[in-house]
Amino acid sequence: MSDISERKQAHLDLCLEPNSQGSGNLFSEYKLPYRALPEINLADVSTETELFKKRLSQPLIIASMTGGVAHAQTINTNLAIAAEACGVAMGVGSQRIALEKDEARETFELVRKHAPTAVIFANMGAIQLNYGRTVDDYRRVVDMIGADALYLHINPLQEAIQPGGDTNYAGLLDKIADVVAKVGVPVFAKEVGHGLDVVTAKALIERGVKGVDCAGTSGTSWAWVEAKRAGDSAFESWFKEYGLRSNTLLEQYRELPQDIYKVVSGGVRTPIEAVKARALGANFYSFAQPFLAPALEGPEAVAAFIRHFQRGIAITLFTAGCKNWEAAAQLPLQKK
């Protein structure tokens, strides 16, 4: 197994450990309205939305996870089958390994094979633009899976702690602008669990990015994962939840243009949290770690999880007196 494959396998193993997760309890300072007489029929409540002119059964993007390692074929196959069956969007893990190892391509290419109509996001680190990758490489990862859009992930803290990480973040904005202009699909930007701050979000939007994924703290801590790999117990403690929480970021994202897609990730674990995020302005919710165990089990387990979560969204909307996801943006939140 190559160094990058060994690292990705270690990432999967560590993400299944409970200690990889932040403190959670996202949006705990907010309360949704509860209506004892909602005056609507639960059967009429809709969780549907639209992305890139495709209908989604719920505003879920299965977050980027893996590719190119032993378990990746199983995980991506099961996720893709379930995404297609349930009508949700899906992102793949970083495709850099598929540009370096031909045998890794299949673990990504199979996603579109099993999800021919789903919304699929390609994914590669923006930092690679400072390490020899070109716009053509980003086009290649999009074409590899017939992607509807591209996620550029931005992860300075993870790279700084990762042994041998790529840490030259100087001068990236103009290179990102070049990718956005030439890659041929909408580009979303995301952090990986320590928060995409509003200053950076605004700078990326000025350069043409169409969506921002806050990926705040409280979910999987990639700082903890890399510190654990490096055997640095001090860094595990110091940096585990260093960064910005998603609720803080969503409040700040209200300053962003209305036509920019806003994705909430980083600790979303319940339908109630997802609806609170909608009331704060999020268009979509996304998570990865809760899918890992079902994805290792089979597509039926993944689909059951997706449908259960959707049912939870519908019940949350219903008991708030809200008929659909779009209207939930107007729900009045109260601070406890």
Protein backbone atom coordinates (compact mmCIF):
# COMPACT_ATOMS: atom_id res chain seq x y z
CA MET A 1 0.00 0.00 0.00
CA SER A 2 1.36 3.46 -0.93
CA ASP A 3 1.87 6.21 1.66
CA ILE A 4 -1.26 8.07 0.53
CA SER A 5 -3.32 4.85 0.59
CA GLU A 6 -2.05 4.02 4.08
CA ARG A 7 -2.97 7.53 5.23
CA LYS A 8 -6.49 7.28 3.81
CA GLN A 9 -7.04 3.89 5.44
CA ALA A 10 -5.84 5.28 8.78
CA HIS A 11 -8.25 8.21 8.31
CA LEU A 12 -11.19 5.83 7.93
CA ASP A 13 -10.20 3.79 10.97
CA LEU A 14 -9.70 6.85 13.16
CA CYS A 15 -12.95 8.52 12.07
CA LEU A 16 -14.84 5.52 13.47
CA GLU A 17 -13.37 6.20 16.92
CA PRO A 18 -15.69 8.19 19.23
CA ASN A 19 -12.83 10.49 20.24
CA SER A 20 -12.61 11.79 16.66
CA GLN A 21 -15.84 13.70 17.20
CA GLY A 22 -16.20 17.17 18.64
CA SER A 23 -18.49 18.13 21.49
CA GLY A 24 -21.54 18.15 19.22
CA ASN A 25 -24.90 19.50 20.41
CA LEU A 26 -24.92 21.98 17.56
CA PHE A 27 -27.30 24.98 17.77
CA SER A 28 -28.15 24.09 21.38
CA GLU A 29 -28.59 27.78 22.20
CA TYR A 30 -31.58 28.00 19.85
CA LYS A 31 -35.15 26.76 20.15
CA LEU A 32 -37.48 26.07 17.24
CA PRO A 33 -41.13 27.00 17.59
CA TYR A 34 -43.35 24.12 18.68
CA ARG A 35 -46.98 24.17 17.60
CA ALA A 36 -49.39 21.98 19.56
CA LEU A 37 -51.94 22.64 16.79
CA PRO A 38 -49.84 22.90 13.63
CA GLU A 39 -52.97 23.16 11.42
CA ILE A 40 -51.33 21.13 8.66
CA ASN A 41 -51.35 17.46 7.67
CA LEU A 42 -48.05 15.64 8.17
CA ALA A 43 -48.72 13.84 4.88
CA ASP A 44 -48.61 17.22 3.12
CA VAL A 45 -45.23 18.25 4.53
CA SER A 46 -42.51 18.26 1.85
CA THR A 47 -38.79 17.87 2.49
CA GLU A 48 -37.96 18.24 -1.21
CA THR A 49 -35.69 20.84 -2.75
CA GLU A 50 -33.71 21.39 -5.95
CA LEU A 51 -30.02 21.57 -6.83
CA PHE A 52 -28.65 22.12 -10.33
CA LYS A 53 -32.17 21.62 -11.75
CA LYS A 54 -32.41 18.16 -10.17
CA ARG A 55 -35.00 17.36 -7.53
CA LEU A 56 -33.76 16.08 -4.17
CA SER A 57 -36.00 14.20 -1.76
CA GLN A 58 -34.36 16.14 1.05
CA PRO A 59 -31.60 18.80 1.13
CA LEU A 60 -28.89 16.28 2.05
CA ILE A 61 -25.40 16.13 0.57
CA ILE A 62 -23.61 12.97 1.67
CA ALA A 63 -20.29 14.55 2.56
CA SER A 64 -16.97 13.70 0.96
CA MET A 65 -15.39 10.63 2.53
CA THR A 66 -12.93 8.40 0.74
CA GLY A 67 -11.55 6.75 -2.37
CA GLY A 68 -8.52 4.81 -3.49
CA VAL A 69 -8.19 2.38 -0.58
CA ALA A 70 -9.38 -1.12 0.29
CA HIS A 71 -12.70 -0.08 1.82
CA ALA A 72 -13.37 2.74 -0.65
CA GLN A 73 -14.94 0.56 -3.32
CA THR A 74 -17.41 -0.86 -0.80
CA ILE A 75 -18.15 2.50 0.82
CA ASN A 76 -18.58 4.48 -2.39
CA THR A 77 -20.64 1.75 -4.05
CA ASN A 78 -23.05 1.53 -1.13
CA LEU A 79 -23.32 5.29 -0.76
CA ALA A 80 -23.93 5.78 -4.49
CA ILE A 81 -26.61 3.09 -4.69
CA ALA A 82 -28.41 4.62 -1.72
CA ALA A 83 -28.04 8.19 -2.99
CA GLU A 84 -29.64 7.19 -6.28
CA ALA A 85 -32.43 5.23 -4.63
CA CYS A 86 -33.22 7.96 -2.10
CA GLY A 87 -32.76 10.99 -4.34
CA VAL A 88 -30.04 12.80 -2.41
CA ALA A 89 -26.74 14.39 -3.41
CA MET A 90 -23.30 12.91 -2.76
CA GLY A 91 -19.71 14.10 -2.66
CA VAL A 92 -16.68 11.86 -3.11
CA GLY A 93 -13.44 11.98 -1.20
CA SER A 94 -10.35 13.75 -2.47
CA GLN A 95 -9.57 12.49 -5.97
CA ARG A 96 -5.91 13.43 -5.89
CA ILE A 97 -5.00 9.77 -5.37
CA ALA A 98 -6.81 8.87 -8.61
CA LEU A 99 -4.57 11.28 -10.51
CA GLU A 100 -1.50 9.57 -9.06
CA LYS A 101 -2.60 5.91 -9.08
CA ASP A 102 -4.56 4.47 -12.02
CA GLU A 103 -5.88 1.61 -9.88
CA ALA A 104 -7.59 4.12 -7.59
CA ARG A 105 -9.75 5.58 -10.36
CA GLU A 106 -12.31 2.77 -10.23
CA THR A 107 -13.18 3.56 -6.61
CA PHE A 108 -14.41 6.95 -7.86
CA GLU A 109 -15.70 6.10 -11.34
CA LEU A 110 -18.13 3.56 -9.92
CA VAL A 111 -20.07 6.36 -8.20
CA ARG A 112 -21.65 7.66 -11.39
CA LYS A 113 -22.19 4.09 -12.59
CA HIS A 114 -24.34 3.36 -9.53
CA ALA A 115 -25.90 6.83 -9.31
CA PRO A 116 -26.63 7.81 -12.91
CA THR A 117 -29.09 10.62 -12.10
CA ALA A 118 -27.95 11.81 -8.67
CA VAL A 119 -26.25 15.13 -7.98
CA ILE A 120 -22.56 14.23 -7.60
CA PHE A 121 -19.73 16.47 -6.41
CA ALA A 122 -16.13 15.89 -7.48
CA ASN A 123 -13.53 16.87 -4.89
CA MET A 124 -9.92 17.98 -4.70
CA GLY A 125 -7.89 20.16 -2.38
CA ALA A 126 -7.36 23.76 -3.42
CA ILE A 127 -3.86 23.55 -1.93
CA GLN A 128 -2.77 21.27 -4.76
CA LEU A 129 -2.74 24.34 -7.03
CA ASN A 130 0.44 25.33 -5.18
CA TYR A 131 1.95 21.86 -5.62
CA GLY A 132 1.91 21.38 -9.37
CA ARG A 133 -1.74 20.68 -10.17
CA THR A 134 -3.35 22.65 -13.00
CA VAL A 135 -6.85 23.55 -14.13
CA ASP A 136 -6.71 20.51 -16.42
CA ASP A 137 -6.28 18.25 -13.38
CA TYR A 138 -9.43 19.68 -11.81
CA ARG A 139 -11.27 19.13 -15.09
CA ARG A 140 -10.05 15.53 -15.04
CA VAL A 141 -11.51 14.81 -11.61
CA VAL A 142 -14.84 16.31 -12.70
CA ASP A 143 -14.89 14.26 -15.90
CA MET A 144 -13.79 11.13 -14.04
CA ILE A 145 -17.17 10.86 -12.31
CA GLY A 146 -19.38 12.95 -14.58
CA ALA A 147 -19.77 15.40 -11.70
CA ASP A 148 -22.42 18.10 -11.53
CA ALA A 149 -20.14 20.34 -9.47
CA LEU A 150 -16.72 20.48 -7.83
CA TYR A 151 -15.90 20.79 -4.15
CA LEU A 152 -12.60 22.55 -3.45
CA HIS A 153 -11.62 21.62 0.07
CA ILE A 154 -9.49 23.98 2.14
CA ASN A 155 -7.77 22.51 5.20
CA PRO A 156 -4.80 24.49 6.56
CA LEU A 157 -5.04 23.17 10.12
CA GLN A 158 -5.19 19.55 9.01
CA GLU A 159 -2.25 20.02 6.64
CA ALA A 160 -0.22 21.82 9.32
CA ILE A 161 -0.59 18.91 11.76
CA GLN A 162 -0.37 16.11 9.18
CA PRO A 163 3.17 14.73 8.89
CA GLY A 164 4.49 15.99 5.55
CA GLY A 165 1.38 18.11 4.99
CA ASP A 166 1.11 20.72 2.22
CA THR A 167 1.27 24.08 3.96
CA ASN A 168 2.13 26.68 1.31
CA TYR A 169 -1.17 28.55 1.23
CA ALA A 170 0.31 31.72 -0.28
CA GLY A 171 -1.33 33.17 -3.38
CA LEU A 172 -4.13 30.62 -3.73
CA LEU A 173 -7.07 32.94 -4.36
CA ASP A 174 -6.13 33.92 -7.90
CA LYS A 175 -5.42 30.29 -8.78
CA ILE A 176 -8.81 29.28 -7.40
CA ALA A 177 -10.40 32.01 -9.53
CA ASP A 178 -8.77 30.45 -12.60
CA VAL A 179 -10.20 27.02 -11.74
CA VAL A 180 -13.65 28.49 -11.14
CA ALA A 181 -13.58 30.26 -14.50
CA LYS A 182 -12.37 27.29 -16.51
CA VAL A 183 -13.41 24.01 -14.87
CA GLY A 184 -16.81 23.94 -16.56
CA VAL A 185 -19.09 23.17 -13.55
CA PRO A 186 -20.17 25.16 -10.48
CA VAL A 187 -17.56 25.25 -7.72
CA PHE A 188 -18.29 24.97 -4.00
CA ALA A 189 -15.68 25.62 -1.33
CA LYS A 190 -15.54 23.84 2.00
CA GLU A 191 -13.40 23.51 5.08
CA VAL A 192 -13.05 20.01 6.50
CA GLY A 193 -14.20 20.55 10.08
CA HIS A 194 -12.64 23.68 11.52
CA GLY A 195 -14.77 26.33 9.85
CA LEU A 196 -14.82 28.35 6.63
CA ASP A 197 -14.70 31.89 8.00
CA VAL A 198 -16.83 34.63 6.47
CA VAL A 199 -13.82 36.70 5.30
CA THR A 200 -12.57 33.74 3.27
CA ALA A 201 -16.10 32.95 2.07
CA LYS A 202 -16.52 36.48 0.74
CA ALA A 203 -13.14 36.37 -1.01
CA LEU A 204 -14.04 33.08 -2.68
CA ILE A 205 -17.46 34.35 -3.76
CA GLU A 206 -15.82 37.41 -5.31
CA ARG A 207 -13.83 34.95 -7.42
CA GLY A 208 -16.91 33.11 -8.66
CA VAL A 209 -17.50 30.31 -6.15
CA LYS A 210 -21.22 29.41 -6.16
CA GLY A 211 -21.51 27.67 -2.80
CA VAL A 212 -19.83 27.63 0.60
CA ASP A 213 -19.85 24.75 3.09
CA CYS A 214 -19.08 26.06 6.57
CA ALA A 215 -17.80 22.69 7.90
CA GLY A 216 -17.46 24.02 11.41
CA THR A 217 -16.26 22.35 14.58
CA SER A 218 -18.36 19.86 16.56
CA GLY A 219 -18.19 17.03 14.04
CA THR A 220 -15.15 15.01 12.95
CA SER A 221 -11.93 16.74 13.96
CA TRP A 222 -9.28 16.27 11.31
CA ALA A 223 -6.80 18.01 13.58
CA TRP A 224 -7.39 15.23 16.11
CA VAL A 225 -7.14 12.55 13.42
CA GLU A 226 -3.80 13.84 12.15
CA ALA A 227 -2.43 14.40 15.65
CA LYS A 228 -3.43 10.86 16.55
CA ARG A 229 -1.65 9.53 13.47
CA ALA A 230 1.42 11.56 14.40
CA GLY A 231 1.35 10.35 18.03
CA ASP A 232 1.16 13.92 19.34
CA SER A 233 -1.14 13.86 22.38
CA ALA A 234 -0.67 17.57 23.06
CA PHE A 235 -1.89 18.50 19.58
CA GLU A 236 -4.82 16.10 20.00
CA SER A 237 -5.96 18.16 22.97
CA TRP A 238 -4.96 21.64 21.84
CA PHE A 239 -6.41 21.62 18.34
CA LYS A 240 -9.30 19.14 18.49
CA GLU A 241 -12.00 21.82 18.44
CA TYR A 242 -9.91 24.77 17.36
CA GLY A 243 -11.77 26.88 14.83
CA LEU A 244 -15.34 28.12 14.35
CA ARG A 245 -18.68 26.52 15.16
CA SER A 246 -21.26 26.15 12.40
CA ASN A 247 -23.98 28.16 14.16
CA THR A 248 -21.61 31.15 14.46
CA LEU A 249 -20.67 30.85 10.81
CA LEU A 250 -24.26 30.62 9.58
CA GLU A 251 -25.14 33.80 11.45
CA GLN A 252 -22.22 35.52 9.72
CA TYR A 253 -23.15 34.02 6.34
CA ARG A 254 -26.29 36.17 6.38
CA GLU A 255 -23.95 38.86 5.02
CA LEU A 256 -23.36 36.77 1.88
CA PRO A 257 -25.34 37.19 -1.36
CA GLN A 258 -28.72 35.47 -1.37
CA ASP A 259 -27.95 33.51 -4.54
CA ILE A 260 -24.97 31.73 -2.97
CA TYR A 261 -25.65 28.15 -1.84
CA LYS A 262 -24.96 27.73 1.87
CA VAL A 263 -24.23 24.22 3.17
CA VAL A 264 -24.08 23.41 6.87
CA SER A 265 -21.78 20.61 7.99
CA GLY A 266 -19.52 19.94 10.92
CA GLY A 267 -21.55 18.33 13.67
CA VAL A 268 -25.05 18.11 12.17
CA ARG A 269 -26.37 14.88 13.67
CA THR A 270 -30.13 15.32 14.08
CA PRO A 271 -33.04 16.56 11.96
CA ILE A 272 -33.77 19.21 14.60
CA GLU A 273 -30.27 20.63 14.13
CA ALA A 274 -30.75 20.60 10.35
CA VAL A 275 -34.02 22.56 10.56
CA LYS A 276 -32.44 25.04 12.97
CA ALA A 277 -29.68 25.51 10.40
CA ARG A 278 -32.32 26.16 7.74
CA ALA A 279 -33.84 28.86 9.93
CA LEU A 280 -30.37 30.40 10.12
CA GLY A 281 -30.07 30.44 6.33
CA ALA A 282 -28.61 27.09 5.26
CA ASN A 283 -29.85 25.64 1.97
CA PHE A 284 -28.46 22.13 2.50
CA TYR A 285 -27.12 19.97 5.32
CA SER A 286 -24.22 17.57 5.01
CA PHE A 287 -22.41 14.99 7.12
CA ALA A 288 -20.06 12.07 6.61
CA GLN A 289 -19.13 10.19 9.80
CA PRO A 290 -22.67 8.88 10.54
CA PHE A 291 -22.63 7.18 7.14
CA LEU A 292 -19.41 5.24 7.65
CA ALA A 293 -20.78 2.29 9.61
CA PRO A 294 -23.91 1.87 7.41
CA ALA A 295 -21.74 2.17 4.27
CA LEU A 296 -19.57 -0.71 5.43
CA GLU A 297 -22.73 -2.75 6.01
CA GLY A 298 -24.56 -2.28 2.71
CA PRO A 299 -26.69 0.05 0.56
CA GLU A 300 -29.87 -0.96 2.38
CA ALA A 301 -28.43 0.24 5.69
CA VAL A 302 -27.42 3.56 4.11
CA ALA A 303 -30.85 4.00 2.52
CA ALA A 304 -32.59 3.19 5.81
CA PHE A 305 -30.52 5.86 7.58
CA ILE A 306 -31.30 8.45 4.87
CA ARG A 307 -35.03 7.76 4.97
CA HIS A 308 -35.12 7.80 8.76
CA PHE A 309 -33.43 11.20 8.78
CA GLN A 310 -35.88 12.46 6.16
CA ARG A 311 -38.78 11.33 8.32
CA GLY A 312 -37.23 13.27 11.20
CA ILE A 313 -37.01 16.40 9.05
CA ALA A 314 -40.69 16.07 8.10
CA ILE A 315 -41.75 15.64 11.73
CA THR A 316 -39.67 18.64 12.83
CA LEU A 317 -41.22 20.82 10.12
CA PHE A 318 -44.71 19.52 10.94
CA THR A 319 -44.48 20.28 14.65
CA ALA A 320 -43.14 23.75 13.87
CA GLY A 321 -46.22 24.40 11.73
CA CYS A 322 -44.15 24.51 8.55
CA LYS A 323 -45.23 22.83 5.30
CA ASN A 324 -41.90 22.59 3.47
CA TRP A 325 -38.15 23.07 3.58
CA GLU A 326 -38.20 26.35 1.67
CA ALA A 327 -40.64 27.94 4.14
CA ALA A 328 -38.50 26.79 7.07
CA ALA A 329 -36.09 29.63 6.28
CA GLN A 330 -38.69 31.93 7.88
CA LEU A 331 -39.07 29.97 11.11
CA PRO A 332 -38.50 32.23 14.13
CA LEU A 333 -35.65 30.92 16.29
CA GLN A 334 -35.47 31.85 19.93
CA LYS A 335 -32.29 31.89 21.99
CA LYS A 336 -32.60 29.95 25.21
